[in-house]
Structure formats: structure tokens, C-alpha cells
Protein backbone atom coordinates (compact mmCIF):
# COMPACT_ATOMS: atom_id res chain seq x y z
CA MET A 1 146.60 290.64 281.96
CA GLN A 2 148.94 293.43 283.00
CA VAL A 3 152.73 293.33 282.79
CA SER A 4 155.02 295.70 284.67
CA THR A 5 158.31 297.13 283.39
CA ASN A 6 159.93 295.02 286.14
CA ASN A 7 158.74 291.85 284.34
CA PHE A 8 159.85 292.78 280.81
CA ARG A 9 161.40 290.02 278.68
CA ASN A 10 162.71 290.31 275.13
CA GLY A 11 160.11 289.16 272.61
CA ILE A 12 156.92 289.83 274.60
CA HIS A 13 154.13 291.88 273.05
CA ILE A 14 152.62 294.82 274.91
CA GLU A 15 149.98 297.44 274.14
CA VAL A 16 151.07 301.07 274.56
CA GLU A 17 148.46 303.79 273.95
CA GLY A 18 146.31 301.41 271.87
CA THR A 19 149.14 300.18 269.63
CA VAL A 20 150.70 296.71 269.84
CA TYR A 21 154.51 296.52 270.03
CA ARG A 22 157.06 293.71 270.28
CA LEU A 23 159.75 294.37 272.90
CA LEU A 24 163.12 293.96 271.15
CA GLU A 25 165.38 295.02 274.00
CA PHE A 26 165.24 296.90 277.27
CA GLN A 27 167.54 298.32 279.93
CA HIS A 28 166.72 299.28 283.52
CA VAL A 29 168.44 302.58 284.44
CA LYS A 30 168.87 303.84 288.00
CA PRO A 31 170.37 307.32 287.87
CA GLY A 32 172.00 308.81 290.95
CA LYS A 33 169.39 311.52 291.04
CA GLY A 34 165.69 311.04 290.30
CA GLY A 35 163.55 307.94 289.77
CA ALA A 36 164.50 304.76 287.98
CA PHE A 37 163.30 304.25 284.40
CA VAL A 38 163.38 301.64 281.64
CA ARG A 39 164.81 302.41 278.20
CA THR A 40 163.26 300.17 275.50
CA LYS A 41 163.47 299.42 271.80
CA LEU A 42 160.06 298.46 270.40
CA ARG A 43 158.83 297.22 266.99
CA ARG A 44 155.37 298.38 266.00
CA LEU A 45 153.39 295.39 264.67
CA ASP A 46 151.31 297.45 262.22
CA ASP A 47 154.17 298.57 260.00
CA GLY A 48 157.38 297.10 261.48
CA ALA A 49 158.81 300.49 262.49
CA VAL A 50 161.38 300.33 265.30
CA LEU A 51 161.36 303.09 267.89
CA GLU A 52 162.88 303.80 271.27
CA ARG A 53 160.70 304.68 274.25
CA THR A 54 161.42 305.39 277.91
CA PHE A 55 159.03 304.35 280.67
CA ARG A 56 158.98 304.94 284.43
CA ALA A 57 159.97 301.92 286.53
CA GLY A 58 156.89 299.97 287.62
CA GLU A 59 154.65 301.31 284.83
CA ARG A 60 152.07 298.71 283.73
CA PHE A 61 150.86 297.68 280.26
CA ARG A 62 148.39 295.19 278.85
CA GLN A 63 150.24 292.06 277.77
CA VAL A 64 149.00 290.95 274.37
CA HIS A 65 148.17 287.25 273.88
CA THR A 66 150.35 285.72 271.15
CA GLU A 67 150.29 282.27 269.59
CA THR A 68 152.49 280.63 266.99
CA ARG A 69 151.02 277.99 264.67
CA ARG A 70 152.82 275.79 262.15
CA MET A 71 151.29 276.47 258.72
CA GLN A 72 152.02 275.69 255.09
CA PHE A 73 152.54 278.58 252.67
CA LEU A 74 150.22 278.00 249.72
CA TYR A 75 150.55 280.99 247.40
CA SER A 76 150.54 284.76 247.12
CA ASP A 77 147.99 286.41 244.83
CA GLY A 78 149.50 289.89 244.77
CA SER A 79 147.46 291.35 247.61
CA GLU A 80 147.36 288.52 250.17
CA ALA A 81 149.54 285.58 251.18
CA HIS A 82 147.59 282.39 251.81
CA PHE A 83 148.52 279.81 254.46
CA MET A 84 146.96 276.50 255.57
CA ASP A 85 147.02 274.85 258.99
CA THR A 86 148.41 271.34 258.31
CA GLU A 87 146.36 269.74 261.10
CA THR A 88 142.91 271.32 260.69
CA PHE A 89 143.27 272.37 257.01
CA ASP A 90 141.93 275.85 257.89
CA GLN A 91 143.15 278.52 255.49
CA ILE A 92 144.02 282.09 256.37
CA ALA A 93 145.12 285.12 254.37
CA ILE A 94 147.53 287.80 255.56
CA PRO A 95 147.96 291.12 253.67
CA GLU A 96 151.06 290.75 251.52
CA GLU A 97 152.65 294.06 252.57
CA GLN A 98 152.61 292.80 256.17
CA VAL A 99 154.72 289.71 255.34
CA ALA A 100 156.53 290.89 252.17
CA GLU A 101 160.04 290.54 253.65
CA ALA A 102 159.40 286.99 254.88
CA LEU A 103 157.89 285.93 251.53
CA ARG A 104 161.27 286.52 249.87
CA TRP A 105 162.58 283.47 251.76
CA ILE A 106 159.59 281.11 251.52
CA ALA A 107 158.91 278.68 248.66
CA PRO A 108 155.35 277.48 247.95
CA ASN A 109 154.32 274.45 250.07
CA GLN A 110 157.01 275.22 252.67
CA GLU A 111 155.99 275.06 256.34
CA VAL A 112 156.53 278.18 258.47
CA ASP A 113 155.43 279.54 261.85
CA VAL A 114 152.65 282.16 261.70
CA LEU A 115 152.38 284.51 264.69
CA SER A 116 148.86 285.50 265.78
CA VAL A 117 148.35 288.49 268.07
CA ASP A 118 145.03 288.51 269.97
CA GLY A 119 143.78 285.82 267.54
CA LYS A 120 144.68 287.77 264.37
CA PRO A 121 147.52 286.43 262.14
CA THR A 122 150.10 289.20 261.79
CA GLU A 123 153.52 287.94 260.74
CA VAL A 124 155.61 284.98 259.59
CA VAL A 125 158.39 283.91 261.94
CA LEU A 126 161.39 282.67 259.95
CA PRO A 127 164.12 280.40 261.32
CA SER A 128 167.73 281.65 261.52
CA ALA A 129 168.54 279.80 258.27
CA VAL A 130 166.37 278.67 255.36
CA GLU A 131 167.18 276.12 252.63
CA LEU A 132 166.24 277.00 249.06
CA THR A 133 167.12 275.68 245.59
CA VAL A 134 169.08 277.82 243.12
CA THR A 135 167.01 278.30 239.93
CA GLU A 136 169.29 280.69 238.03
CA ALA A 137 173.05 281.23 238.23
CA GLU A 138 175.79 281.91 235.73
CA PRO A 139 178.30 279.08 235.55
CA GLY A 140 181.47 279.77 237.53
CA VAL A 141 184.52 279.70 235.24
CA ARG A 142 187.87 278.50 236.61
CA GLY A 143 190.30 281.42 236.78
CA ASP A 144 187.60 284.07 237.23
CA THR A 145 189.30 285.36 240.36
CA VAL A 146 192.81 286.11 241.43
CA SER A 147 192.62 284.76 244.99
CA GLY A 148 190.41 281.71 244.38
CA GLY A 149 187.30 283.26 245.96
CA GLY A 150 184.62 285.35 244.37
CA GLU A 151 180.88 285.65 244.13
CA LYS A 152 178.13 285.73 241.54
CA PRO A 153 174.41 286.55 241.68
CA ALA A 154 171.96 283.64 241.96
CA THR A 155 168.16 283.53 241.93
CA LEU A 156 166.45 281.20 244.40
CA GLU A 157 163.16 279.28 244.02
CA SER A 158 161.39 281.92 246.13
CA GLY A 159 162.43 284.63 243.65
CA ALA A 160 165.03 286.29 245.90
CA THR A 161 168.45 287.10 244.43
CA ILE A 162 171.57 286.67 246.57
CA ARG A 163 175.34 286.53 246.07
CA VAL A 164 176.85 283.02 246.18
CA PRO A 165 180.35 281.57 245.68
CA LEU A 166 181.39 280.64 242.13
CA PHE A 167 181.08 276.87 242.76
CA VAL A 168 177.30 277.04 243.39
CA ASN A 169 175.28 275.91 240.34
CA VAL A 170 171.64 275.70 239.24
CA GLY A 171 169.84 272.96 241.18
CA ASP A 172 172.06 273.22 244.29
CA ARG A 173 170.31 273.65 247.68
CA VAL A 174 171.79 276.52 249.67
CA ARG A 175 171.36 277.75 253.26
CA VAL A 176 170.60 281.47 253.55
CA ASP A 177 170.32 283.77 256.57
CA PRO A 178 166.93 285.49 255.99
CA ARG A 179 167.72 288.38 258.37
CA SER A 180 170.64 289.62 256.27
CA GLY A 181 170.01 287.81 252.98
CA THR A 182 173.49 286.29 252.91
CA TYR A 183 174.67 282.88 251.75
CA ILE A 184 175.75 280.52 254.57
CA SER A 185 176.61 277.19 252.90
CA ARG A 186 175.42 274.50 250.53
CA ALA A 187 172.72 272.29 252.08
């Protein structure tokens, strides 16, 4: 199936010169002189690199078939991350370097969405906020700060380390924004 630059939408996947990209953003430009063109920001699916490309208006590309399936994260063995479809119990493995950033925010047995491109699992789609349990944190001592605020490092069940307010303790569930790695609130 072909898609034209006139039908671009954020989030679609297209194939350009044999490489699959995810369209992050685009802008149609009609200069006073010359032909119209489309300025885009694309993320290469192979390595996650973001680049900007310009295409002529009306140029056509192959639209890549994508599918998202709800799967349970089982474990990571150092080279591959293993997931299981909760309905069919089929298991798949994705190279760990491909999903390394997402694995920082996933605990074992947690359900996530796995994106498949042309039938091949390629990445883990995280929600805008994830809930994880704090496994290590220094106790917050009253009077540690002058203004009443302050932060301390905390390690989450997934192994990621973030900065949290002083009142967060071991065993607390916290909400974290996985895009920036920042604390949002207690869950």
C-alpha cells in the first residue's frame, strides 16, 4: 500500500530507500517561489536515530504494516528480552539493545504493548506513566532541607535509579514518566 506526503499522519511507519522509519512530525511548506515540499522528522526503527528529511509534495512511499499486541514481559537474559502473548501463550524474543531503554521501566511479569512492523517485533511501547515499587532509598531525615523540599536517589524494582522527594520510602509505589525518567507522584 502506498501513502503520499499529502496523507502523512504522526506515528505512521513508512519505508524510504529500503529503511523503515516512524514519522514523528511533519510540516507542509509552500514557498512563494518553486514547488511545495514536506519537511519531516523521522525515527529510524533499526537504531532509533532521529533525522530530518525533506520530500517533494505528492511523493509516494510504501506504508509499513504495524500491529500492537499486549504481551507480558518475562525476563531478559543479557542478549534478548523475552515476552509472552497472554492469550495464545506464544513467546517471542527481541534483541535487548533494541528495547534497552524501555526495559529500564518494566518489571518482570508486567504487561506491555509490543509493536510489530511487517510481522517482526521491533519495540516496546510504554505508557506515559509507569508504576513501580521503590526497592532502595535512604531514609529522609526531617530538617534535611532549608525550604522543606529536596530529593534523594531511589532504585526501582526494574533496576532504574531516579530522584524522588524525601518522603518516599522503600516499598512505596511511585509513578514515573518513562520518557524523561522523572518522578510524578506516589501511586
